[in-house]
């Protein structure tokens, strides 16, 4: 029997020993002095930072600092978003008027709105660069497979936050962006009435995923209210939970990443300096 098949059969018998399981759940420590010490040292509440990390794994030329920048932008968006909520009503009559009032009559209102908007754009860019860096450095590999998947979910949530925020000003840009985006949802496999297997599952324009997103068949007041709730309440809460899991797993997996050993320029010169000193 080929080794691969035998390995898969063994994994079916005991799924707790598979790589997928061990990447999600932590190992149980045996009752040995070493493992008891590891249980204390790896405790997040006792030690916020890992007891030992690769020096090069925290250098900015390696990490680009995109994870921290993304979290900082999320804090900025939360703070400015809460302030914007004081001046905004998610109704078809009032929404665009509130935006005009905020920009032209509220002290520092234009700055506040632009801070929120530009932070949103920057957050999308920062998340994508963060994922790009993780992929380039191979930091998605063992033991960080689970955290990589959490990061992919956070990327999707970031895009959804940006998308739902587009409609809230209720201007032409937001209207057509949401119209195009939700029209694409019609082609969702299984859930869209124009997508693969959608019609076979009974999907119609009045019960598919587009109808669920808009709260109807057109972009109107129901769509605005749903975008507001998703943008201000549901997605931020879900994203916060996944961020907590993401940070926790970064800590439990041994730090930001594990790059290959990199020799600094000062270290590279050491042997040469030693030779020169010996010659002198």
Protein backbone atom coordinates (compact mmCIF):
# COMPACT_ATOMS: atom_id res chain seq x y z
CA UNK A 1 0.00 0.00 0.00
CA UNK A 2 1.48 3.38 -0.97
CA UNK A 3 2.65 5.44 1.98
CA UNK A 4 0.38 8.36 1.13
CA UNK A 5 -2.77 6.20 1.17
CA UNK A 6 -1.70 4.51 4.38
CA UNK A 7 -1.14 7.91 5.97
CA UNK A 8 -4.62 9.08 4.96
CA UNK A 9 -6.23 5.93 6.37
CA UNK A 10 -4.40 6.49 9.65
CA UNK A 11 -5.59 10.10 9.74
CA UNK A 12 -9.21 8.95 9.34
CA UNK A 13 -8.78 6.61 12.30
CA UNK A 14 -7.33 9.35 14.51
CA UNK A 15 -8.04 12.86 13.10
CA UNK A 16 -6.40 14.50 16.13
CA UNK A 17 -3.02 13.56 14.72
CA UNK A 18 -3.53 15.20 11.32
CA UNK A 19 -1.72 18.40 10.40
CA UNK A 20 -5.02 20.22 9.85
CA UNK A 21 -6.18 19.40 13.40
CA UNK A 22 -2.87 20.30 15.02
CA UNK A 23 -2.71 23.60 13.12
CA UNK A 24 -6.08 24.60 14.63
CA UNK A 25 -5.91 23.18 18.14
CA UNK A 26 -2.98 23.39 20.47
CA UNK A 27 -1.10 20.29 21.52
CA UNK A 28 -1.69 18.84 24.95
CA UNK A 29 1.43 19.03 27.06
CA UNK A 30 2.58 15.84 28.67
CA UNK A 31 3.39 15.93 32.35
CA UNK A 32 7.11 16.50 31.96
CA UNK A 33 9.12 19.33 33.53
CA UNK A 34 9.96 20.73 30.10
CA UNK A 35 6.36 20.81 28.91
CA UNK A 36 5.15 22.31 32.19
CA UNK A 37 7.73 25.09 31.73
CA UNK A 38 6.55 25.60 28.14
CA UNK A 39 2.95 25.82 29.39
CA UNK A 40 3.94 28.79 31.57
CA UNK A 41 6.24 30.48 29.05
CA UNK A 42 3.71 30.25 26.20
CA UNK A 43 0.82 31.57 28.31
CA UNK A 44 -0.44 34.76 26.64
CA UNK A 45 -1.69 36.30 29.88
CA UNK A 46 1.56 35.70 31.74
CA UNK A 47 3.85 36.72 28.87
CA UNK A 48 2.49 39.11 26.28
CA UNK A 49 5.54 38.62 24.08
CA UNK A 50 7.17 35.28 23.28
CA UNK A 51 10.02 34.30 25.59
CA UNK A 52 12.28 33.88 22.58
CA UNK A 53 11.95 35.13 19.03
CA UNK A 54 14.12 35.33 15.96
CA UNK A 55 15.76 38.75 16.00
CA UNK A 56 15.31 39.17 12.26
CA UNK A 57 11.62 38.31 12.35
CA UNK A 58 10.72 41.71 13.83
CA UNK A 59 12.87 43.86 11.56
CA UNK A 60 10.84 46.35 9.50
CA UNK A 61 12.60 45.51 6.22
CA UNK A 62 11.26 41.98 6.73
CA UNK A 63 7.77 42.57 8.20
CA UNK A 64 7.05 45.93 6.48
CA UNK A 65 5.02 46.68 9.65
CA UNK A 66 1.81 46.17 7.69
CA UNK A 67 0.03 44.16 10.40
CA UNK A 68 0.51 46.91 12.97
CA UNK A 69 -0.40 49.64 10.46
CA UNK A 70 -3.59 47.76 9.57
CA UNK A 71 -4.62 47.53 13.22
CA UNK A 72 -3.80 51.22 13.74
CA UNK A 73 -6.02 52.12 10.76
CA UNK A 74 -8.82 49.97 12.19
CA UNK A 75 -8.61 51.96 15.44
CA UNK A 76 -8.74 55.23 13.45
CA UNK A 77 -11.73 53.98 11.47
CA UNK A 78 -13.57 52.92 14.62
CA UNK A 79 -12.96 56.24 16.34
CA UNK A 80 -13.89 58.42 13.34
CA UNK A 81 -16.80 56.12 12.48
CA UNK A 82 -18.35 56.52 15.93
CA UNK A 83 -18.06 60.30 15.62
CA UNK A 84 -19.65 60.21 12.15
CA UNK A 85 -22.59 58.24 13.52
CA UNK A 86 -23.59 61.29 15.59
CA UNK A 87 -24.41 63.17 12.37
CA UNK A 88 -25.79 60.43 10.14
CA UNK A 89 -29.28 59.01 9.57
CA UNK A 90 -29.52 55.89 7.33
CA UNK A 91 -32.62 57.00 5.40
CA UNK A 92 -33.03 57.88 1.74
CA UNK A 93 -34.20 61.42 2.48
CA UNK A 94 -31.65 62.31 5.13
CA UNK A 95 -28.42 60.40 4.32
CA UNK A 96 -26.99 62.62 1.59
CA UNK A 97 -28.15 65.79 3.38
CA UNK A 98 -26.28 64.63 6.48
CA UNK A 99 -23.10 64.23 4.43
CA UNK A 100 -23.46 67.78 3.03
CA UNK A 101 -24.20 69.14 6.50
CA UNK A 102 -21.17 67.34 7.89
CA UNK A 103 -18.85 68.68 5.20
CA UNK A 104 -20.03 72.30 5.12
CA UNK A 105 -21.49 73.13 8.54
CA UNK A 106 -19.97 70.88 11.19
CA UNK A 107 -16.62 72.18 12.54
CA UNK A 108 -13.85 69.92 11.24
CA UNK A 109 -16.55 67.71 9.67
CA UNK A 110 -14.82 67.54 6.29
CA UNK A 111 -11.54 66.53 7.93
CA UNK A 112 -13.35 63.90 9.98
CA UNK A 113 -15.05 62.38 6.95
CA UNK A 114 -11.88 62.41 4.88
CA UNK A 115 -9.91 60.81 7.70
CA UNK A 116 -12.46 57.98 7.71
CA UNK A 117 -12.48 57.62 3.95
CA UNK A 118 -8.72 57.68 3.43
CA UNK A 119 -8.11 55.37 6.37
CA UNK A 120 -10.54 52.91 4.76
CA UNK A 121 -8.66 53.03 1.45
CA UNK A 122 -5.30 52.68 3.21
CA UNK A 123 -6.54 49.75 5.28
CA UNK A 124 -7.44 47.78 2.14
CA UNK A 125 -3.97 48.47 0.71
CA UNK A 126 -2.23 47.63 4.02
CA UNK A 127 -4.10 44.32 4.41
CA UNK A 128 -3.23 43.29 0.85
CA UNK A 129 0.43 44.21 1.34
CA UNK A 130 0.43 42.31 4.64
CA UNK A 131 -0.94 39.19 2.92
CA UNK A 132 1.57 39.66 0.09
CA UNK A 133 4.46 39.83 2.57
CA UNK A 134 3.25 36.75 4.44
CA UNK A 135 3.01 34.85 1.16
CA UNK A 136 6.43 35.96 -0.07
CA UNK A 137 8.15 34.98 3.18
CA UNK A 138 6.33 31.64 3.43
CA UNK A 139 4.89 32.60 6.81
CA UNK A 140 1.65 30.80 5.94
CA UNK A 141 3.34 27.43 6.28
CA UNK A 142 3.45 25.12 9.28
CA UNK A 143 2.63 25.90 12.08
CA UNK A 144 0.77 29.00 10.81
CA UNK A 145 -1.73 27.45 8.38
CA UNK A 146 -4.70 28.17 10.66
CA UNK A 147 -3.66 31.78 11.19
CA UNK A 148 -3.22 32.24 7.45
CA UNK A 149 -6.86 31.20 6.96
CA UNK A 150 -7.95 33.60 9.69
CA UNK A 151 -6.03 36.32 7.81
CA UNK A 152 -7.84 35.47 4.57
CA UNK A 153 -11.18 35.84 6.38
CA UNK A 154 -10.04 39.21 7.74
CA UNK A 155 -9.14 40.29 4.20
CA UNK A 156 -12.67 39.42 3.03
CA UNK A 157 -14.19 41.27 6.00
CA UNK A 158 -12.04 44.33 5.20
CA UNK A 159 -13.30 44.34 1.61
CA UNK A 160 -16.89 43.96 2.84
CA UNK A 161 -16.42 46.88 5.23
CA UNK A 162 -15.19 49.01 2.35
CA UNK A 163 -18.00 47.86 0.07
CA UNK A 164 -20.83 48.47 2.56
CA UNK A 165 -19.40 51.89 3.39
CA UNK A 166 -19.65 52.91 -0.26
CA UNK A 167 -23.44 53.12 -0.20
CA UNK A 168 -23.80 55.13 3.02
CA UNK A 169 -23.31 58.64 1.49
CA UNK A 170 -26.20 57.70 -0.83
CA UNK A 171 -24.59 59.52 -3.76
CA UNK A 172 -24.24 58.45 -7.38
CA UNK A 173 -20.84 56.82 -6.80
CA UNK A 174 -22.18 54.65 -4.00
CA UNK A 175 -25.42 53.82 -5.83
CA UNK A 176 -23.70 52.54 -8.96
CA UNK A 177 -20.93 50.78 -7.05
CA UNK A 178 -23.48 48.80 -5.05
CA UNK A 179 -25.60 48.22 -8.16
CA UNK A 180 -22.63 46.71 -10.01
CA UNK A 181 -21.45 44.73 -6.98
CA UNK A 182 -24.83 43.22 -6.17
CA UNK A 183 -25.45 42.44 -9.85
CA UNK A 184 -22.27 40.37 -9.73
CA UNK A 185 -23.76 38.53 -6.75
CA UNK A 186 -26.43 37.18 -9.09
CA UNK A 187 -23.76 34.90 -10.56
CA UNK A 188 -22.77 33.40 -7.20
CA UNK A 189 -22.62 29.60 -7.46
CA UNK A 190 -25.61 27.92 -5.78
CA UNK A 191 -26.87 31.18 -4.19
CA UNK A 192 -27.39 33.41 -7.27
CA UNK A 193 -30.26 33.01 -9.68
CA UNK A 194 -27.83 33.33 -12.64
CA UNK A 195 -25.00 31.34 -11.05
CA UNK A 196 -24.08 27.68 -11.55
CA UNK A 197 -26.77 25.35 -10.15
CA UNK A 198 -28.74 28.39 -8.90
CA UNK A 199 -31.83 27.75 -10.99
CA UNK A 200 -31.72 24.03 -10.15
CA UNK A 201 -31.89 24.96 -6.45
CA UNK A 202 -34.89 27.22 -7.02
CA UNK A 203 -33.08 30.58 -6.87
CA UNK A 204 -35.00 33.52 -8.37
CA UNK A 205 -34.41 37.31 -8.35
CA UNK A 206 -36.67 37.43 -5.29
CA UNK A 207 -34.98 34.87 -3.03
CA UNK A 208 -31.29 34.74 -4.03
CA UNK A 209 -28.21 36.26 -2.36
CA UNK A 210 -28.67 39.61 -4.15
CA UNK A 211 -32.18 39.91 -2.75
CA UNK A 212 -30.80 39.14 0.71
CA UNK A 213 -28.05 41.76 0.43
CA UNK A 214 -30.35 44.52 -0.76
CA UNK A 215 -33.46 43.62 1.20
CA UNK A 216 -35.33 43.78 -2.11
CA UNK A 217 -34.77 43.68 -5.84
CA UNK A 218 -33.49 47.28 -6.23
CA UNK A 219 -31.01 49.56 -4.45
CA UNK A 220 -33.25 51.67 -2.22
CA UNK A 221 -33.96 52.42 1.45
CA UNK A 222 -33.77 48.78 2.57
CA UNK A 223 -30.32 48.41 0.98
CA UNK A 224 -29.13 51.59 2.71
CA UNK A 225 -30.32 50.40 6.12
CA UNK A 226 -28.77 46.95 5.65
CA UNK A 227 -25.46 48.44 4.51
CA UNK A 228 -25.47 50.71 7.58
CA UNK A 229 -26.09 47.83 10.01
CA UNK A 230 -23.50 45.58 8.36
CA UNK A 231 -20.96 48.41 8.14
CA UNK A 232 -21.35 49.85 11.65
CA UNK A 233 -22.29 46.85 13.79
CA UNK A 234 -22.11 43.35 12.35
CA UNK A 235 -18.88 43.31 10.34
CA UNK A 236 -16.80 45.32 12.88
CA UNK A 237 -17.85 42.92 15.67
CA UNK A 238 -17.06 39.84 13.56
CA UNK A 239 -13.75 41.36 12.44
CA UNK A 240 -12.83 42.19 16.06
CA UNK A 241 -13.38 38.59 17.10
CA UNK A 242 -11.22 37.30 14.25
CA UNK A 243 -8.53 39.89 15.04
CA UNK A 244 -8.38 38.67 18.64
CA UNK A 245 -7.96 35.11 17.38
CA UNK A 246 -5.37 36.32 14.84
CA UNK A 247 -3.25 38.12 17.45
CA UNK A 248 -3.57 35.24 19.89
CA UNK A 249 -2.35 32.78 17.29
CA UNK A 250 0.55 35.04 16.27
CA UNK A 251 1.66 34.90 19.88
CA UNK A 252 1.06 31.15 20.28
CA UNK A 253 2.75 30.31 16.99
CA UNK A 254 5.97 31.90 18.16
CA UNK A 255 5.85 35.50 16.97
CA UNK A 256 5.19 37.37 13.75
CA UNK A 257 6.97 34.94 11.48
CA UNK A 258 9.95 32.70 11.20
CA UNK A 259 12.30 33.89 8.49
CA UNK A 260 15.37 32.09 7.39
CA UNK A 261 18.45 33.22 9.30
CA UNK A 262 19.63 36.54 7.95
CA UNK A 263 23.17 37.75 8.58
CA UNK A 264 23.42 41.45 9.31
CA UNK A 265 26.05 43.55 7.58
CA UNK A 266 27.81 44.08 10.91
CA UNK A 267 27.93 40.31 11.46
CA UNK A 268 29.14 39.65 7.93
CA UNK A 269 32.11 41.91 8.59
CA UNK A 270 33.07 40.14 11.81
CA UNK A 271 35.28 37.38 10.29
CA UNK A 272 37.04 39.94 8.08
CA UNK A 273 37.62 42.23 11.06
CA UNK A 274 38.93 39.29 13.06
CA UNK A 275 41.38 38.44 10.29
CA UNK A 276 42.55 42.03 10.07
CA UNK A 277 43.03 42.16 13.84
CA UNK A 278 45.00 38.89 13.74
CA UNK A 279 47.18 40.24 10.90
CA UNK A 280 47.83 43.44 12.81
